Amino acid sequence: SAIVYNLFLLPVNLVTGGAGGIATITNYVYGIDPALMI
């Protein structure tokens, strides 16, 4: 799942819910490391 997140979801800012979705948003808006937010 982590590979899919980093390789497919995060690079295109694809938000599909869950902690990963929150991490994608906060990474884009505030520059917070996605792993840290998750």
PDB file of all heavy atoms in Angstrom:
ATOM      1  N   SER A   1       0.834  -1.214   0.000  1.00  0.00           N
ATOM      2  CA  SER A   1       0.000   0.000   0.000  1.00  0.00           C
ATOM      3  C   SER A   1       0.863   1.256   0.000  1.00  0.00           C
ATOM      4  O   SER A   1       0.530   2.253  -0.663  1.00  0.00           O
ATOM      5  CB  SER A   1      -0.922   0.014   1.224  1.00  0.00           C
ATOM      6  OG  SER A   1      -1.900  -0.983   1.144  1.00  0.00           O
ATOM      7  N   ALA A   2       1.960   1.213   0.753  1.00  0.00           N
ATOM      8  CA  ALA A   2       2.873   2.363   0.814  1.00  0.00           C
ATOM      9  C   ALA A   2       3.503   2.632  -0.556  1.00  0.00           C
ATOM     10  O   ALA A   2       3.663   3.790  -0.963  1.00  0.00           O
ATOM     11  CB  ALA A   2       3.963   2.105   1.858  1.00  0.00           C
ATOM     12  N   ILE A   3       3.849   1.563  -1.262  1.00  0.00           N
ATOM     13  CA  ILE A   3       4.412   1.711  -2.612  1.00  0.00           C
ATOM     14  C   ILE A   3       3.389   2.362  -3.540  1.00  0.00           C
ATOM     15  O   ILE A   3       3.717   3.288  -4.297  1.00  0.00           O
ATOM     16  CB  ILE A   3       4.851   0.337  -3.172  1.00  0.00           C
ATOM     17  CG1 ILE A   3       6.050  -0.193  -2.392  1.00  0.00           C
ATOM     18  CG2 ILE A   3       5.193   0.443  -4.661  1.00  0.00           C
ATOM     19  CD1 ILE A   3       6.470  -1.599  -2.786  1.00  0.00           C
ATOM     20  N   VAL A   4       2.145   1.884  -3.487  1.00  0.00           N
ATOM     21  CA  VAL A   4       1.086   2.457  -4.325  1.00  0.00           C
ATOM     22  C   VAL A   4       0.888   3.931  -4.000  1.00  0.00           C
ATOM     23  O   VAL A   4       0.732   4.770  -4.898  1.00  0.00           O
ATOM     24  CB  VAL A   4      -0.235   1.676  -4.133  1.00  0.00           C
ATOM     25  CG1 VAL A   4      -1.376   2.365  -4.881  1.00  0.00           C
ATOM     26  CG2 VAL A   4      -0.084   0.240  -4.615  1.00  0.00           C
ATOM     27  N   TYR A   5       0.907   4.263  -2.713  1.00  0.00           N
ATOM     28  CA  TYR A   5       0.708   5.652  -2.294  1.00  0.00           C
ATOM     29  C   TYR A   5       1.795   6.560  -2.861  1.00  0.00           C
ATOM     30  O   TYR A   5       1.500   7.613  -3.449  1.00  0.00           O
ATOM     31  CB  TYR A   5       0.694   5.746  -0.766  1.00  0.00           C
ATOM     32  CG  TYR A   5       0.541   7.148  -0.243  1.00  0.00           C
ATOM     33  CD1 TYR A   5      -0.705   7.786  -0.283  1.00  0.00           C
ATOM     34  CD2 TYR A   5       1.618   7.852   0.272  1.00  0.00           C
ATOM     35  CE1 TYR A   5      -0.851   9.082   0.183  1.00  0.00           C
ATOM     36  CE2 TYR A   5       1.479   9.149   0.739  1.00  0.00           C
ATOM     37  CZ  TYR A   5       0.240   9.761   0.693  1.00  0.00           C
ATOM     38  OH  TYR A   5       0.097  11.057   1.146  1.00  0.00           O
ATOM     39  N   ASN A   6       3.043   6.145  -2.710  1.00  0.00           N
ATOM     40  CA  ASN A   6       4.160   6.992  -3.162  1.00  0.00           C
ATOM     41  C   ASN A   6       4.326   7.012  -4.670  1.00  0.00           C
ATOM     42  O   ASN A   6       4.746   8.020  -5.246  1.00  0.00           O
ATOM     43  CB  ASN A   6       5.465   6.519  -2.512  1.00  0.00           C
ATOM     44  CG  ASN A   6       5.673   7.114  -1.137  1.00  0.00           C
ATOM     45  OD1 ASN A   6       5.445   8.299  -0.925  1.00  0.00           O
ATOM     46  ND2 ASN A   6       6.083   6.294  -0.186  1.00  0.00           N
ATOM     47  N   LEU A   7       4.014   5.910  -5.319  1.00  0.00           N
ATOM     48  CA  LEU A   7       4.279   5.790  -6.749  1.00  0.00           C
ATOM     49  C   LEU A   7       3.120   6.289  -7.610  1.00  0.00           C
ATOM     50  O   LEU A   7       3.340   6.772  -8.723  1.00  0.00           O
ATOM     51  CB  LEU A   7       4.578   4.325  -7.090  1.00  0.00           C
ATOM     52  CG  LEU A   7       5.421   4.039  -8.339  1.00  0.00           C
ATOM     53  CD1 LEU A   7       6.747   4.789  -8.279  1.00  0.00           C
ATOM     54  CD2 LEU A   7       5.670   2.546  -8.474  1.00  0.00           C
ATOM     55  N   PHE A   8       1.885   6.198  -7.085  1.00  0.00           N
ATOM     56  CA  PHE A   8       0.730   6.543  -7.908  1.00  0.00           C
ATOM     57  C   PHE A   8      -0.114   7.696  -7.357  1.00  0.00           C
ATOM     58  O   PHE A   8      -0.566   8.542  -8.125  1.00  0.00           O
ATOM     59  CB  PHE A   8      -0.178   5.314  -8.081  1.00  0.00           C
ATOM     60  CG  PHE A   8       0.439   4.205  -8.882  1.00  0.00           C
ATOM     61  CD1 PHE A   8       1.049   3.139  -8.243  1.00  0.00           C
ATOM     62  CD2 PHE A   8       0.430   4.220 -10.264  1.00  0.00           C
ATOM     63  CE1 PHE A   8       1.621   2.103  -8.964  1.00  0.00           C
ATOM     64  CE2 PHE A   8       0.997   3.200 -11.002  1.00  0.00           C
ATOM     65  CZ  PHE A   8       1.600   2.133 -10.358  1.00  0.00           C
ATOM     66  N   LEU A   9      -0.372   7.709  -6.054  1.00  0.00           N
ATOM     67  CA  LEU A   9      -1.335   8.660  -5.502  1.00  0.00           C
ATOM     68  C   LEU A   9      -0.721  10.026  -5.197  1.00  0.00           C
ATOM     69  O   LEU A   9      -1.244  11.063  -5.626  1.00  0.00           O
ATOM     70  CB  LEU A   9      -1.982   8.087  -4.235  1.00  0.00           C
ATOM     71  CG  LEU A   9      -2.697   6.740  -4.394  1.00  0.00           C
ATOM     72  CD1 LEU A   9      -3.349   6.335  -3.075  1.00  0.00           C
ATOM     73  CD2 LEU A   9      -3.735   6.799  -5.499  1.00  0.00           C
ATOM     74  N   LEU A  10       0.378  10.034  -4.446  1.00  0.00           N
ATOM     75  CA  LEU A  10       0.971  11.302  -4.013  1.00  0.00           C
ATOM     76  C   LEU A  10       1.476  12.165  -5.172  1.00  0.00           C
ATOM     77  O   LEU A  10       1.231  13.382  -5.169  1.00  0.00           O
ATOM     78  CB  LEU A  10       2.100  11.029  -3.014  1.00  0.00           C
ATOM     79  CG  LEU A  10       2.719  12.268  -2.338  1.00  0.00           C
ATOM     80  CD1 LEU A  10       1.653  13.035  -1.553  1.00  0.00           C
ATOM     81  CD2 LEU A  10       3.868  11.862  -1.413  1.00  0.00           C
ATOM     82  N   PRO A  11       2.151  11.602  -6.168  1.00  0.00           N
ATOM     83  CA  PRO A  11       2.676  12.454  -7.253  1.00  0.00           C
ATOM     84  C   PRO A  11       1.601  13.214  -8.023  1.00  0.00           C
ATOM     85  O   PRO A  11       1.882  14.283  -8.587  1.00  0.00           O
ATOM     86  CB  PRO A  11       3.400  11.453  -8.170  1.00  0.00           C
ATOM     87  CG  PRO A  11       3.761  10.315  -7.283  1.00  0.00           C
ATOM     88  CD  PRO A  11       2.615  10.203  -6.320  1.00  0.00           C
ATOM     89  N   VAL A  12       0.379  12.687  -8.073  1.00  0.00           N
ATOM     90  CA  VAL A  12      -0.694  13.367  -8.826  1.00  0.00           C
ATOM     91  C   VAL A  12      -1.741  13.965  -7.884  1.00  0.00           C
ATOM     92  O   VAL A  12      -2.808  14.400  -8.325  1.00  0.00           O
ATOM     93  CB  VAL A  12      -1.373  12.390  -9.822  1.00  0.00           C
ATOM     94  CG1 VAL A  12      -0.392  11.973 -10.896  1.00  0.00           C
ATOM     95  CG2 VAL A  12      -1.955  11.169  -9.110  1.00  0.00           C
ATOM     96  N   ASN A  13      -1.424  13.970  -6.575  1.00  0.00           N
ATOM     97  CA  ASN A  13      -2.340  14.532  -5.569  1.00  0.00           C
ATOM     98  C   ASN A  13      -3.739  13.919  -5.659  1.00  0.00           C
ATOM     99  O   ASN A  13      -4.762  14.610  -5.590  1.00  0.00           O
ATOM    100  CB  ASN A  13      -2.441  16.056  -5.717  1.00  0.00           C
ATOM    101  CG  ASN A  13      -1.132  16.744  -5.381  1.00  0.00           C
ATOM    102  OD1 ASN A  13      -0.445  16.363  -4.441  1.00  0.00           O
ATOM    103  ND2 ASN A  13      -0.774  17.750  -6.167  1.00  0.00           N
ATOM    104  N   LEU A  14      -3.772  12.593  -5.767  1.00  0.00           N
ATOM    105  CA  LEU A  14      -5.046  11.879  -5.852  1.00  0.00           C
ATOM    106  C   LEU A  14      -5.501  11.514  -4.441  1.00  0.00           C
ATOM    107  O   LEU A  14      -4.905  10.667  -3.778  1.00  0.00           O
ATOM    108  CB  LEU A  14      -4.879  10.626  -6.707  1.00  0.00           C
ATOM    109  CG  LEU A  14      -6.150   9.944  -7.231  1.00  0.00           C
ATOM    110  CD1 LEU A  14      -7.057  10.942  -7.956  1.00  0.00           C
ATOM    111  CD2 LEU A  14      -5.780   8.812  -8.180  1.00  0.00           C
ATOM    112  N   VAL A  15      -6.562  12.165  -3.981  1.00  0.00           N
ATOM    113  CA  VAL A  15      -7.056  11.995  -2.613  1.00  0.00           C
ATOM    114  C   VAL A  15      -8.202  10.989  -2.618  1.00  0.00           C
ATOM    115  O   VAL A  15      -9.247  11.241  -3.218  1.00  0.00           O
ATOM    116  CB  VAL A  15      -7.535  13.339  -2.024  1.00  0.00           C
ATOM    117  CG1 VAL A  15      -8.120  13.142  -0.640  1.00  0.00           C
ATOM    118  CG2 VAL A  15      -6.375  14.332  -1.989  1.00  0.00           C
ATOM    119  N   THR A  16      -8.002   9.860  -1.954  1.00  0.00           N
ATOM    120  CA  THR A  16      -9.028   8.809  -1.936  1.00  0.00           C
ATOM    121  C   THR A  16      -9.548   8.528  -0.531  1.00  0.00           C
ATOM    122  O   THR A  16     -10.137   7.480  -0.279  1.00  0.00           O
ATOM    123  CB  THR A  16      -8.462   7.506  -2.537  1.00  0.00           C
ATOM    124  OG1 THR A  16      -7.309   7.099  -1.789  1.00  0.00           O
ATOM    125  CG2 THR A  16      -8.079   7.695  -3.989  1.00  0.00           C
ATOM    126  N   GLY A  17      -9.343   9.449   0.387  1.00  0.00           N
ATOM    127  CA  GLY A  17      -9.822   9.271   1.749  1.00  0.00           C
ATOM    128  C   GLY A  17      -8.745   8.741   2.671  1.00  0.00           C
ATOM    129  O   GLY A  17      -7.605   8.517   2.268  1.00  0.00           O
ATOM    130  N   GLY A  18      -9.117   8.534   3.938  1.00  0.00           N
ATOM    131  CA  GLY A  18      -8.188   7.965   4.909  1.00  0.00           C
ATOM    132  C   GLY A  18      -7.064   8.908   5.309  1.00  0.00           C
ATOM    133  O   GLY A  18      -6.997  10.070   4.896  1.00  0.00           O
ATOM    134  N   ALA A  19      -6.152   8.359   6.116  1.00  0.00           N
ATOM    135  CA  ALA A  19      -5.005   9.146   6.588  1.00  0.00           C
ATOM    136  C   ALA A  19      -4.119   9.573   5.425  1.00  0.00           C
ATOM    137  O   ALA A  19      -3.545  10.669   5.431  1.00  0.00           O
ATOM    138  CB  ALA A  19      -4.201   8.324   7.596  1.00  0.00           C
ATOM    139  N   GLY A  20      -3.999   8.709   4.412  1.00  0.00           N
ATOM    140  CA  GLY A  20      -3.199   9.049   3.232  1.00  0.00           C
ATOM    141  C   GLY A  20      -3.758  10.252   2.505  1.00  0.00           C
ATOM    142  O   GLY A  20      -2.998  11.104   2.028  1.00  0.00           O
ATOM    143  N   GLY A  21      -5.084  10.343   2.418  1.00  0.00           N
ATOM    144  CA  GLY A  21      -5.700  11.497   1.775  1.00  0.00           C
ATOM    145  C   GLY A  21      -5.434  12.780   2.541  1.00  0.00           C
ATOM    146  O   GLY A  21      -5.123  13.826   1.948  1.00  0.00           O
ATOM    147  N   ILE A  22      -5.554  12.700   3.863  1.00  0.00           N
ATOM    148  CA  ILE A  22      -5.247  13.871   4.700  1.00  0.00           C
ATOM    149  C   ILE A  22      -3.792  14.284   4.518  1.00  0.00           C
ATOM    150  O   ILE A  22      -3.468  15.476   4.402  1.00  0.00           O
ATOM    151  CB  ILE A  22      -5.539  13.561   6.182  1.00  0.00           C
ATOM    152  CG1 ILE A  22      -7.038  13.347   6.390  1.00  0.00           C
ATOM    153  CG2 ILE A  22      -5.029  14.680   7.092  1.00  0.00           C
ATOM    154  CD1 ILE A  22      -7.413  12.873   7.787  1.00  0.00           C
ATOM    155  N   ALA A  23      -2.896  13.292   4.469  1.00  0.00           N
ATOM    156  CA  ALA A  23      -1.458  13.569   4.303  1.00  0.00           C
ATOM    157  C   ALA A  23      -1.171  14.227   2.960  1.00  0.00           C
ATOM    158  O   ALA A  23      -0.307  15.114   2.868  1.00  0.00           O
ATOM    159  CB  ALA A  23      -0.663  12.273   4.439  1.00  0.00           C
ATOM    160  N   THR A  24      -1.878  13.820   1.919  1.00  0.00           N
ATOM    161  CA  THR A  24      -1.687  14.423   0.591  1.00  0.00           C
ATOM    162  C   THR A  24      -2.095  15.889   0.618  1.00  0.00           C
ATOM    163  O   THR A  24      -1.397  16.756   0.062  1.00  0.00           O
ATOM    164  CB  THR A  24      -2.513  13.661  -0.467  1.00  0.00           C
ATOM    165  OG1 THR A  24      -2.080  12.298  -0.511  1.00  0.00           O
ATOM    166  CG2 THR A  24      -2.329  14.282  -1.847  1.00  0.00           C
ATOM    167  N   ILE A  25      -3.218  16.180   1.263  1.00  0.00           N
ATOM    168  CA  ILE A  25      -3.704  17.565   1.344  1.00  0.00           C
ATOM    169  C   ILE A  25      -2.745  18.440   2.149  1.00  0.00           C
ATOM    170  O   ILE A  25      -2.367  19.539   1.720  1.00  0.00           O
ATOM    171  CB  ILE A  25      -5.112  17.602   1.968  1.00  0.00           C
ATOM    172  CG1 ILE A  25      -6.116  16.879   1.061  1.00  0.00           C
ATOM    173  CG2 ILE A  25      -5.557  19.049   2.214  1.00  0.00           C
ATOM    174  CD1 ILE A  25      -7.470  16.644   1.702  1.00  0.00           C
ATOM    175  N   THR A  26      -2.344  17.967   3.339  1.00  0.00           N
ATOM    176  CA  THR A  26      -1.458  18.772   4.198  1.00  0.00           C
ATOM    177  C   THR A  26      -0.061  18.920   3.589  1.00  0.00           C
ATOM    178  O   THR A  26       0.616  19.932   3.812  1.00  0.00           O
ATOM    179  CB  THR A  26      -1.346  18.162   5.603  1.00  0.00           C
ATOM    180  OG1 THR A  26      -0.933  16.790   5.503  1.00  0.00           O
ATOM    181  CG2 THR A  26      -2.678  18.232   6.332  1.00  0.00           C
ATOM    182  N   ASN A  27       0.362  17.949   2.805  1.00  0.00           N
ATOM    183  CA  ASN A  27       1.650  18.073   2.108  1.00  0.00           C
ATOM    184  C   ASN A  27       1.583  19.182   1.065  1.00  0.00           C
ATOM    185  O   ASN A  27       2.528  19.968   0.908  1.00  0.00           O
ATOM    186  CB  ASN A  27       2.017  16.748   1.460  1.00  0.00           C
ATOM    187  CG  ASN A  27       3.276  16.839   0.604  1.00  0.00           C
ATOM    188  OD1 ASN A  27       3.199  16.825  -0.621  1.00  0.00           O
ATOM    189  ND2 ASN A  27       4.419  16.932   1.252  1.00  0.00           N
ATOM    190  N   TYR A  28       0.464  19.244   0.364  1.00  0.00           N
ATOM    191  CA  TYR A  28       0.288  20.260  -0.681  1.00  0.00           C
ATOM    192  C   TYR A  28       0.121  21.661  -0.086  1.00  0.00           C
ATOM    193  O   TYR A  28       0.703  22.632  -0.565  1.00  0.00           O
ATOM    194  CB  TYR A  28      -0.931  19.907  -1.533  1.00  0.00           C
ATOM    195  CG  TYR A  28      -1.271  20.923  -2.593  1.00  0.00           C
ATOM    196  CD1 TYR A  28      -0.577  20.968  -3.801  1.00  0.00           C
ATOM    197  CD2 TYR A  28      -2.308  21.851  -2.390  1.00  0.00           C
ATOM    198  CE1 TYR A  28      -0.896  21.905  -4.777  1.00  0.00           C
ATOM    199  CE2 TYR A  28      -2.635  22.784  -3.350  1.00  0.00           C
ATOM    200  CZ  TYR A  28      -1.928  22.805  -4.549  1.00  0.00           C
ATOM    201  OH  TYR A  28      -2.240  23.735  -5.514  1.00  0.00           O
ATOM    202  N   VAL A  29      -0.677  21.761   0.993  1.00  0.00           N
ATOM    203  CA  VAL A  29      -1.008  23.075   1.557  1.00  0.00           C
ATOM    204  C   VAL A  29       0.095  23.598   2.470  1.00  0.00           C
ATOM    205  O   VAL A  29       0.478  24.773   2.403  1.00  0.00           O
ATOM    206  CB  VAL A  29      -2.341  23.003   2.332  1.00  0.00           C
ATOM    207  CG1 VAL A  29      -2.676  24.360   2.963  1.00  0.00           C
ATOM    208  CG2 VAL A  29      -3.475  22.578   1.401  1.00  0.00           C
ATOM    209  N   TYR A  30       0.629  22.715   3.340  1.00  0.00           N
ATOM    210  CA  TYR A  30       1.584  23.168   4.355  1.00  0.00           C
ATOM    211  C   TYR A  30       2.997  22.594   4.181  1.00  0.00           C
ATOM    212  O   TYR A  30       3.898  22.963   4.933  1.00  0.00           O
ATOM    213  CB  TYR A  30       1.076  22.789   5.759  1.00  0.00           C
ATOM    214  CG  TYR A  30      -0.280  23.362   6.077  1.00  0.00           C
ATOM    215  CD1 TYR A  30      -1.398  22.530   6.165  1.00  0.00           C
ATOM    216  CD2 TYR A  30      -0.452  24.729   6.299  1.00  0.00           C
ATOM    217  CE1 TYR A  30      -2.654  23.046   6.451  1.00  0.00           C
ATOM    218  CE2 TYR A  30      -1.709  25.252   6.593  1.00  0.00           C
ATOM    219  CZ  TYR A  30      -2.807  24.406   6.665  1.00  0.00           C
ATOM    220  OH  TYR A  30      -4.039  24.929   6.950  1.00  0.00           O
ATOM    221  N   GLY A  31       3.179  21.684   3.248  1.00  0.00           N
ATOM    222  CA  GLY A  31       4.493  21.085   3.037  1.00  0.00           C
ATOM    223  C   GLY A  31       4.889  20.081   4.102  1.00  0.00           C
ATOM    224  O   GLY A  31       6.072  19.781   4.273  1.00  0.00           O
ATOM    225  N   ILE A  32       3.896  19.548   4.829  1.00  0.00           N
ATOM    226  CA  ILE A  32       4.182  18.559   5.881  1.00  0.00           C
ATOM    227  C   ILE A  32       4.503  17.213   5.254  1.00  0.00           C
ATOM    228  O   ILE A  32       3.815  16.770   4.323  1.00  0.00           O
ATOM    229  CB  ILE A  32       2.984  18.421   6.849  1.00  0.00           C
ATOM    230  CG1 ILE A  32       2.689  19.764   7.515  1.00  0.00           C
ATOM    231  CG2 ILE A  32       3.254  17.356   7.907  1.00  0.00           C
ATOM    232  CD1 ILE A  32       1.413  19.764   8.346  1.00  0.00           C
ATOM    233  N   ASP A  33       5.545  16.580   5.749  1.00  0.00           N
ATOM    234  CA  ASP A  33       5.942  15.267   5.246  1.00  0.00           C
ATOM    235  C   ASP A  33       4.759  14.290   5.369  1.00  0.00           C
ATOM    236  O   ASP A  33       4.208  14.122   6.455  1.00  0.00           O
ATOM    237  CB  ASP A  33       7.140  14.754   6.052  1.00  0.00           C
ATOM    238  CG  ASP A  33       7.597  13.383   5.578  1.00  0.00           C
ATOM    239  OD1 ASP A  33       7.548  13.133   4.366  1.00  0.00           O
ATOM    240  OD2 ASP A  33       7.991  12.563   6.423  1.00  0.00           O
ATOM    241  N   PRO A  34       4.356  13.649   4.257  1.00  0.00           N
ATOM    242  CA  PRO A  34       3.189  12.749   4.299  1.00  0.00           C
ATOM    243  C   PRO A  34       3.321  11.625   5.327  1.00  0.00           C
ATOM    244  O   PRO A  34       2.352  11.298   6.020  1.00  0.00           O
ATOM    245  CB  PRO A  34       3.134  12.176   2.876  1.00  0.00           C
ATOM    246  CG  PRO A  34       3.792  13.200   2.028  1.00  0.00           C
ATOM    247  CD  PRO A  34       4.871  13.789   2.888  1.00  0.00           C
ATOM    248  N   ALA A  35       4.528  11.041   5.430  1.00  0.00           N
ATOM    249  CA  ALA A  35       4.728   9.945   6.386  1.00  0.00           C
ATOM    250  C   ALA A  35       4.490  10.425   7.816  1.00  0.00           C
ATOM    251  O   ALA A  35       3.892   9.712   8.631  1.00  0.00           O
ATOM    252  CB  ALA A  35       6.127   9.370   6.246  1.00  0.00           C
ATOM    253  N   LEU A  36       4.948  11.646   8.114  1.00  0.00           N
ATOM    254  CA  LEU A  36       4.759  12.208   9.451  1.00  0.00           C
ATOM    255  C   LEU A  36       3.282  12.448   9.735  1.00  0.00           C
ATOM    256  O   LEU A  36       2.787  12.123  10.829  1.00  0.00           O
ATOM    257  CB  LEU A  36       5.536  13.525   9.578  1.00  0.00           C
ATOM    258  CG  LEU A  36       5.367  14.283  10.906  1.00  0.00           C
ATOM    259  CD1 LEU A  36       5.850  13.428  12.075  1.00  0.00           C
ATOM    260  CD2 LEU A  36       6.117  15.616  10.863  1.00  0.00           C
ATOM    261  N   MET A  37       2.557  12.997   8.767  1.00  0.00           N
ATOM    262  CA  MET A  37       1.127  13.266   8.976  1.00  0.00           C
ATOM    263  C   MET A  37       0.343  11.963   9.146  1.00  0.00           C
ATOM    264  O   MET A  37      -0.539  11.875  10.002  1.00  0.00           O
ATOM    265  CB  MET A  37       0.570  14.077   7.797  1.00  0.00           C
ATOM    266  CG  MET A  37      -0.925  14.382   7.917  1.00  0.00           C
ATOM    267  SD  MET A  37      -1.401  15.165   9.491  1.00  0.00           S
ATOM    268  CE  MET A  37      -0.538  16.733   9.384  1.00  0.00           C
ATOM    269  N   ILE A  38       0.676  10.948   8.338  1.00  0.00           N
ATOM    270  CA  ILE A  38       0.003   9.651   8.479  1.00  0.00           C
ATOM    271  C   ILE A  38       0.266   9.075   9.863  1.00  0.00           C
ATOM    272  O   ILE A  38      -0.633   8.522  10.502  1.00  0.00           O
ATOM    273  CB  ILE A  38       0.478   8.672   7.380  1.00  0.00           C
ATOM    274  CG1 ILE A  38      -0.011   9.132   6.015  1.00  0.00           C
ATOM    275  CG2 ILE A  38      -0.037   7.256   7.663  1.00  0.00           C
ATOM    276  CD1 ILE A  38       0.561   8.342   4.856  1.00  0.00           C
TER     277      ILE A  38
END
